[in-house]
Amino acid sequence: MAHNPQAPQGPEGHDPAGSTQMFRAFVDEGGPQHGGRGAAAPAPAGPRVGLMVGIVAAVAILGTVVWLALG
């Protein structure tokens, strides 16, 4: 991380207000948890839905090609 010379620094080089430590804890924690303590956020379904639609489309196209080739 870059050193901010304008930030208040104590003699040991730590932030006396503790904002840096609080920010790092926030980032390491992954942000505030909505819905209670330890509640996992639901995973976004976008990539999974796209994958299923792609598989269905590929099967339909292959079925059409086979049907045209044999019929």
PDB file of N, CA and C in Angstrom:
ATOM      1  N   MET A   1       0.833  -1.172   0.000  1.00  0.00           N
ATOM      2  CA  MET A   1       0.000   0.000   0.000  1.00  0.00           C
ATOM      3  C   MET A   1       0.878   1.236   0.000  1.00  0.00           C
ATOM      4  N   ALA A   2       0.331   2.319  -0.530  1.00  0.00           N
ATOM      5  CA  ALA A   2       1.066   3.566  -0.572  1.00  0.00           C
ATOM      6  C   ALA A   2       1.019   4.248   0.789  1.00  0.00           C
ATOM      7  N   HIS A   3       2.089   4.923   1.102  1.00  0.00           N
ATOM      8  CA  HIS A   3       2.159   5.644   2.368  1.00  0.00           C
ATOM      9  C   HIS A   3       1.546   7.018   2.168  1.00  0.00           C
ATOM     10  N   ASN A   4       0.643   7.405   3.050  1.00  0.00           N
ATOM     11  CA  ASN A   4      -0.002   8.707   2.982  1.00  0.00           C
ATOM     12  C   ASN A   4       0.668   9.618   4.007  1.00  0.00           C
ATOM     13  N   PRO A   5       1.489  10.566   3.533  1.00  0.00           N
ATOM     14  CA  PRO A   5       2.190  11.431   4.492  1.00  0.00           C
ATOM     15  C   PRO A   5       1.255  12.391   5.212  1.00  0.00           C
ATOM     16  N   GLN A   6       0.038  12.630   4.709  1.00  0.00           N
ATOM     17  CA  GLN A   6      -0.886  13.544   5.356  1.00  0.00           C
ATOM     18  C   GLN A   6      -1.714  12.864   6.437  1.00  0.00           C
ATOM     19  N   ALA A   7      -1.699  11.550   6.478  1.00  0.00           N
ATOM     20  CA  ALA A   7      -2.466  10.825   7.484  1.00  0.00           C
ATOM     21  C   ALA A   7      -1.804  10.996   8.844  1.00  0.00           C
ATOM     22  N   PRO A   8      -2.597  11.141   9.893  1.00  0.00           N
ATOM     23  CA  PRO A   8      -1.990  11.275  11.228  1.00  0.00           C
ATOM     24  C   PRO A   8      -1.301   9.974  11.629  1.00  0.00           C
ATOM     25  N   GLN A   9      -0.055  10.092  11.983  1.00  0.00           N
ATOM     26  CA  GLN A   9       0.730   8.921  12.355  1.00  0.00           C
ATOM     27  C   GLN A   9       1.299   9.126  13.755  1.00  0.00           C
ATOM     28  N   GLY A  10       1.263   8.076  14.519  1.00  0.00           N
ATOM     29  CA  GLY A  10       1.857   8.124  15.850  1.00  0.00           C
ATOM     30  C   GLY A  10       3.349   7.856  15.765  1.00  0.00           C
ATOM     31  N   PRO A  11       4.016   7.853  16.915  1.00  0.00           N
ATOM     32  CA  PRO A  11       5.462   7.623  16.899  1.00  0.00           C
ATOM     33  C   PRO A  11       5.829   6.224  16.417  1.00  0.00           C
ATOM     34  N   GLU A  12       4.936   5.251  16.584  1.00  0.00           N
ATOM     35  CA  GLU A  12       5.241   3.892  16.129  1.00  0.00           C
ATOM     36  C   GLU A  12       4.862   3.684  14.663  1.00  0.00           C
ATOM     37  N   GLY A  13       4.216   4.686  14.025  1.00  0.00           N
ATOM     38  CA  GLY A  13       3.836   4.562  12.641  1.00  0.00           C
ATOM     39  C   GLY A  13       2.449   3.972  12.446  1.00  0.00           C
ATOM     40  N   HIS A  14       1.633   3.929  13.498  1.00  0.00           N
ATOM     41  CA  HIS A  14       0.276   3.408  13.349  1.00  0.00           C
ATOM     42  C   HIS A  14      -0.728   4.554  13.379  1.00  0.00           C
ATOM     43  N   ASP A  15      -1.912   4.297  12.868  1.00  0.00           N
ATOM     44  CA  ASP A  15      -2.970   5.298  12.821  1.00  0.00           C
ATOM     45  C   ASP A  15      -3.601   5.393  14.200  1.00  0.00           C
ATOM     46  N   PRO A  16      -3.487   6.530  14.894  1.00  0.00           N
ATOM     47  CA  PRO A  16      -4.019   6.614  16.253  1.00  0.00           C
ATOM     48  C   PRO A  16      -5.541   6.519  16.311  1.00  0.00           C
ATOM     49  N   ALA A  17      -6.235   6.882  15.235  1.00  0.00           N
ATOM     50  CA  ALA A  17      -7.693   6.797  15.236  1.00  0.00           C
ATOM     51  C   ALA A  17      -8.177   5.376  14.971  1.00  0.00           C
ATOM     52  N   GLY A  18      -7.321   4.552  14.433  1.00  0.00           N
ATOM     53  CA  GLY A  18      -7.684   3.172  14.169  1.00  0.00           C
ATOM     54  C   GLY A  18      -8.459   2.983  12.878  1.00  0.00           C
ATOM     55  N   SER A  19      -8.575   4.029  12.045  1.00  0.00           N
ATOM     56  CA  SER A  19      -9.383   3.896  10.830  1.00  0.00           C
ATOM     57  C   SER A  19      -8.755   2.924   9.838  1.00  0.00           C
ATOM     58  N   THR A  20      -7.432   2.886   9.775  1.00  0.00           N
ATOM     59  CA  THR A  20      -6.783   1.950   8.858  1.00  0.00           C
ATOM     60  C   THR A  20      -7.051   0.515   9.282  1.00  0.00           C
ATOM     61  N   GLN A  21      -6.960   0.244  10.581  1.00  0.00           N
ATOM     62  CA  GLN A  21      -7.226  -1.105  11.054  1.00  0.00           C
ATOM     63  C   GLN A  21      -8.683  -1.478  10.828  1.00  0.00           C
ATOM     64  N   MET A  22      -9.590  -0.534  11.034  1.00  0.00           N
ATOM     65  CA  MET A  22     -11.013  -0.807  10.813  1.00  0.00           C
ATOM     66  C   MET A  22     -11.283  -1.070   9.338  1.00  0.00           C
ATOM     67  N   PHE A  23     -10.629  -0.308   8.452  1.00  0.00           N
ATOM     68  CA  PHE A  23     -10.821  -0.519   7.018  1.00  0.00           C
ATOM     69  C   PHE A  23     -10.292  -1.880   6.600  1.00  0.00           C
ATOM     70  N   ARG A  24      -9.118  -2.244   7.092  1.00  0.00           N
ATOM     71  CA  ARG A  24      -8.561  -3.558   6.746  1.00  0.00           C
ATOM     72  C   ARG A  24      -9.445  -4.686   7.257  1.00  0.00           C
ATOM     73  N   ALA A  25      -9.995  -4.534   8.457  1.00  0.00           N
ATOM     74  CA  ALA A  25     -10.901  -5.551   8.982  1.00  0.00           C
ATOM     75  C   ALA A  25     -12.149  -5.643   8.116  1.00  0.00           C
ATOM     76  N   PHE A  26     -12.644  -4.503   7.650  1.00  0.00           N
ATOM     77  CA  PHE A  26     -13.818  -4.478   6.769  1.00  0.00           C
ATOM     78  C   PHE A  26     -13.524  -5.187   5.456  1.00  0.00           C
ATOM     79  N   VAL A  27     -12.372  -4.910   4.858  1.00  0.00           N
ATOM     80  CA  VAL A  27     -12.012  -5.523   3.585  1.00  0.00           C
ATOM     81  C   VAL A  27     -11.769  -7.015   3.762  1.00  0.00           C
ATOM     82  N   ASP A  28     -11.044  -7.401   4.805  1.00  0.00           N
ATOM     83  CA  ASP A  28     -10.765  -8.816   5.045  1.00  0.00           C
ATOM     84  C   ASP A  28     -12.040  -9.590   5.333  1.00  0.00           C
ATOM     85  N   GLU A  29     -13.009  -8.932   5.951  1.00  0.00           N
ATOM     86  CA  GLU A  29     -14.265  -9.560   6.322  1.00  0.00           C
ATOM     87  C   GLU A  29     -15.179  -9.722   5.115  1.00  0.00           C
ATOM     88  N   GLY A  30     -14.970  -8.930   4.077  1.00  0.00           N
ATOM     89  CA  GLY A  30     -15.804  -8.991   2.899  1.00  0.00           C
ATOM     90  C   GLY A  30     -16.980  -8.050   2.959  1.00  0.00           C
ATOM     91  N   GLY A  31     -16.960  -7.084   3.838  1.00  0.00           N
ATOM     92  CA  GLY A  31     -18.043  -6.123   3.922  1.00  0.00           C
ATOM     93  C   GLY A  31     -19.074  -6.537   4.948  1.00  0.00           C
ATOM     94  N   PRO A  32     -20.068  -5.696   5.130  1.00  0.00           N
ATOM     95  CA  PRO A  32     -21.100  -6.010   6.127  1.00  0.00           C
ATOM     96  C   PRO A  32     -21.970  -7.168   5.668  1.00  0.00           C
ATOM     97  N   GLN A  33     -22.357  -8.002   6.612  1.00  0.00           N
ATOM     98  CA  GLN A  33     -23.212  -9.143   6.309  1.00  0.00           C
ATOM     99  C   GLN A  33     -24.658  -8.736   6.474  1.00  0.00           C
ATOM    100  N   HIS A  34     -25.460  -8.871   5.443  1.00  0.00           N
ATOM    101  CA  HIS A  34     -26.876  -8.549   5.510  1.00  0.00           C
ATOM    102  C   HIS A  34     -27.627  -9.810   5.911  1.00  0.00           C
ATOM    103  N   GLY A  35     -28.575  -9.659   6.806  1.00  0.00           N
ATOM    104  CA  GLY A  35     -29.395 -10.799   7.188  1.00  0.00           C
ATOM    105  C   GLY A  35     -28.909 -11.508   8.429  1.00  0.00           C
ATOM    106  N   GLY A  36     -28.071 -10.893   9.206  1.00  0.00           N
ATOM    107  CA  GLY A  36     -27.643 -11.509  10.452  1.00  0.00           C
ATOM    108  C   GLY A  36     -26.182 -11.915  10.408  1.00  0.00           C
ATOM    109  N   ARG A  37     -25.730 -12.387  11.530  1.00  0.00           N
ATOM    110  CA  ARG A  37     -24.325 -12.784  11.631  1.00  0.00           C
ATOM    111  C   ARG A  37     -24.090 -14.112  10.937  1.00  0.00           C
ATOM    112  N   GLY A  38     -23.029 -14.160  10.152  1.00  0.00           N
ATOM    113  CA  GLY A  38     -22.618 -15.396   9.517  1.00  0.00           C
ATOM    114  C   GLY A  38     -23.542 -15.862   8.403  1.00  0.00           C
ATOM    115  N   ALA A  39     -24.514 -15.062   8.009  1.00  0.00           N
ATOM    116  CA  ALA A  39     -25.415 -15.470   6.939  1.00  0.00           C
ATOM    117  C   ALA A  39     -24.696 -15.319   5.605  1.00  0.00           C
ATOM    118  N   ALA A  40     -24.677 -16.390   4.850  1.00  0.00           N
ATOM    119  CA  ALA A  40     -24.012 -16.354   3.556  1.00  0.00           C
ATOM    120  C   ALA A  40     -24.937 -15.728   2.529  1.00  0.00           C
ATOM    121  N   ALA A  41     -24.374 -14.867   1.698  1.00  0.00           N
ATOM    122  CA  ALA A  41     -25.164 -14.242   0.650  1.00  0.00           C
ATOM    123  C   ALA A  41     -25.394 -15.257  -0.460  1.00  0.00           C
ATOM    124  N   PRO A  42     -26.573 -15.264  -1.070  1.00  0.00           N
ATOM    125  CA  PRO A  42     -26.822 -16.213  -2.156  1.00  0.00           C
ATOM    126  C   PRO A  42     -25.938 -15.904  -3.348  1.00  0.00           C
ATOM    127  N   ALA A  43     -25.469 -16.948  -3.997  1.00  0.00           N
ATOM    128  CA  ALA A  43     -24.595 -16.789  -5.153  1.00  0.00           C
ATOM    129  C   ALA A  43     -25.410 -16.284  -6.333  1.00  0.00           C
ATOM    130  N   PRO A  44     -24.824 -15.412  -7.148  1.00  0.00           N
ATOM    131  CA  PRO A  44     -25.552 -14.944  -8.320  1.00  0.00           C
ATOM    132  C   PRO A  44     -25.785 -16.096  -9.290  1.00  0.00           C
ATOM    133  N   ALA A  45     -26.985 -16.150  -9.861  1.00  0.00           N
ATOM    134  CA  ALA A  45     -27.350 -17.265 -10.730  1.00  0.00           C
ATOM    135  C   ALA A  45     -27.068 -16.972 -12.190  1.00  0.00           C
ATOM    136  N   GLY A  46     -26.530 -15.823 -12.526  1.00  0.00           N
ATOM    137  CA  GLY A  46     -26.305 -15.437 -13.912  1.00  0.00           C
ATOM    138  C   GLY A  46     -25.454 -16.416 -14.698  1.00  0.00           C
ATOM    139  N   PRO A  47     -24.242 -16.738 -14.274  1.00  0.00           N
ATOM    140  CA  PRO A  47     -23.405 -17.648 -15.049  1.00  0.00           C
ATOM    141  C   PRO A  47     -24.005 -19.055 -15.149  1.00  0.00           C
ATOM    142  N   ARG A  48     -24.662 -19.512 -14.092  1.00  0.00           N
ATOM    143  CA  ARG A  48     -25.237 -20.853 -14.105  1.00  0.00           C
ATOM    144  C   ARG A  48     -26.388 -20.932 -15.110  1.00  0.00           C
ATOM    145  N   VAL A  49     -27.245 -19.895 -15.143  1.00  0.00           N
ATOM    146  CA  VAL A  49     -28.369 -19.874 -16.080  1.00  0.00           C
ATOM    147  C   VAL A  49     -27.848 -19.802 -17.509  1.00  0.00           C
ATOM    148  N   GLY A  50     -26.839 -18.996 -17.736  1.00  0.00           N
ATOM    149  CA  GLY A  50     -26.251 -18.886 -19.073  1.00  0.00           C
ATOM    150  C   GLY A  50     -25.654 -20.201 -19.545  1.00  0.00           C
ATOM    151  N   LEU A  51     -25.034 -20.921 -18.640  1.00  0.00           N
ATOM    152  CA  LEU A  51     -24.463 -22.217 -18.996  1.00  0.00           C
ATOM    153  C   LEU A  51     -25.551 -23.210 -19.373  1.00  0.00           C
ATOM    154  N   MET A  52     -26.635 -23.233 -18.604  1.00  0.00           N
ATOM    155  CA  MET A  52     -27.730 -24.159 -18.902  1.00  0.00           C
ATOM    156  C   MET A  52     -28.387 -23.814 -20.236  1.00  0.00           C
ATOM    157  N   VAL A  53     -28.592 -22.527 -20.510  1.00  0.00           N
ATOM    158  CA  VAL A  53     -29.180 -22.120 -21.786  1.00  0.00           C
ATOM    159  C   VAL A  53     -28.255 -22.508 -22.938  1.00  0.00           C
ATOM    160  N   GLY A  54     -26.957 -22.355 -22.766  1.00  0.00           N
ATOM    161  CA  GLY A  54     -25.997 -22.733 -23.802  1.00  0.00           C
ATOM    162  C   GLY A  54     -26.007 -24.223 -24.078  1.00  0.00           C
ATOM    163  N   ILE A  55     -26.124 -25.025 -23.028  1.00  0.00           N
ATOM    164  CA  ILE A  55     -26.160 -26.483 -23.203  1.00  0.00           C
ATOM    165  C   ILE A  55     -27.431 -26.900 -23.930  1.00  0.00           C
ATOM    166  N   VAL A  56     -28.564 -26.318 -23.524  1.00  0.00           N
ATOM    167  CA  VAL A  56     -29.834 -26.640 -24.185  1.00  0.00           C
ATOM    168  C   VAL A  56     -29.782 -26.237 -25.656  1.00  0.00           C
ATOM    169  N   ALA A  57     -29.226 -25.073 -25.959  1.00  0.00           N
ATOM    170  CA  ALA A  57     -29.124 -24.622 -27.344  1.00  0.00           C
ATOM    171  C   ALA A  57     -28.210 -25.546 -28.153  1.00  0.00           C
ATOM    172  N   ALA A  58     -27.093 -25.970 -27.571  1.00  0.00           N
ATOM    173  CA  ALA A  58     -26.167 -26.858 -28.277  1.00  0.00           C
ATOM    174  C   ALA A  58     -26.821 -28.204 -28.569  1.00  0.00           C
ATOM    175  N   VAL A  59     -27.570 -28.742 -27.603  1.00  0.00           N
ATOM    176  CA  VAL A  59     -28.250 -30.024 -27.815  1.00  0.00           C
ATOM    177  C   VAL A  59     -29.315 -29.868 -28.903  1.00  0.00           C
ATOM    178  N   ALA A  60     -30.040 -28.763 -28.895  1.00  0.00           N
ATOM    179  CA  ALA A  60     -31.061 -28.536 -29.915  1.00  0.00           C
ATOM    180  C   ALA A  60     -30.442 -28.422 -31.303  1.00  0.00           C
ATOM    181  N   ILE A  61     -29.341 -27.706 -31.405  1.00  0.00           N
ATOM    182  CA  ILE A  61     -28.672 -27.547 -32.703  1.00  0.00           C
ATOM    183  C   ILE A  61     -28.132 -28.880 -33.186  1.00  0.00           C
ATOM    184  N   LEU A  62     -27.500 -29.636 -32.301  1.00  0.00           N
ATOM    185  CA  LEU A  62     -26.981 -30.950 -32.707  1.00  0.00           C
ATOM    186  C   LEU A  62     -28.116 -31.888 -33.116  1.00  0.00           C
ATOM    187  N   GLY A  63     -29.209 -31.851 -32.384  1.00  0.00           N
ATOM    188  CA  GLY A  63     -30.358 -32.685 -32.744  1.00  0.00           C
ATOM    189  C   GLY A  63     -30.908 -32.322 -34.115  1.00  0.00           C
ATOM    190  N   THR A  64     -30.965 -31.029 -34.396  1.00  0.00           N
ATOM    191  CA  THR A  64     -31.443 -30.569 -35.710  1.00  0.00           C
ATOM    192  C   THR A  64     -30.503 -31.017 -36.815  1.00  0.00           C
ATOM    193  N   VAL A  65     -29.204 -30.908 -36.609  1.00  0.00           N
ATOM    194  CA  VAL A  65     -28.223 -31.325 -37.603  1.00  0.00           C
ATOM    195  C   VAL A  65     -28.320 -32.821 -37.862  1.00  0.00           C
ATOM    196  N   VAL A  66     -28.438 -33.616 -36.808  1.00  0.00           N
ATOM    197  CA  VAL A  66     -28.550 -35.065 -36.970  1.00  0.00           C
ATOM    198  C   VAL A  66     -29.861 -35.402 -37.688  1.00  0.00           C
ATOM    199  N   TRP A  67     -30.943 -34.747 -37.326  1.00  0.00           N
ATOM    200  CA  TRP A  67     -32.244 -35.008 -37.961  1.00  0.00           C
ATOM    201  C   TRP A  67     -32.206 -34.673 -39.456  1.00  0.00           C
ATOM    202  N   LEU A  68     -31.552 -33.538 -39.797  1.00  0.00           N
ATOM    203  CA  LEU A  68     -31.438 -33.167 -41.215  1.00  0.00           C
ATOM    204  C   LEU A  68     -30.511 -34.127 -41.981  1.00  0.00           C
ATOM    205  N   ALA A  69     -29.456 -34.595 -41.314  1.00  0.00           N
ATOM    206  CA  ALA A  69     -28.498 -35.483 -41.981  1.00  0.00           C
ATOM    207  C   ALA A  69     -29.115 -36.860 -42.240  1.00  0.00           C
ATOM    208  N   LEU A  70     -29.934 -37.336 -41.328  1.00  0.00           N
ATOM    209  CA  LEU A  70     -30.520 -38.675 -41.469  1.00  0.00           C
ATOM    210  C   LEU A  70     -31.872 -38.664 -42.187  1.00  0.00           C
ATOM    211  N   GLY A  71     -32.515 -37.524 -42.222  1.00  0.00           N
ATOM    212  CA  GLY A  71     -33.861 -37.476 -42.788  1.00  0.00           C
ATOM    213  C   GLY A  71     -33.820 -37.024 -44.176  1.00  0.00           C
TER     214      GLY A  71
END
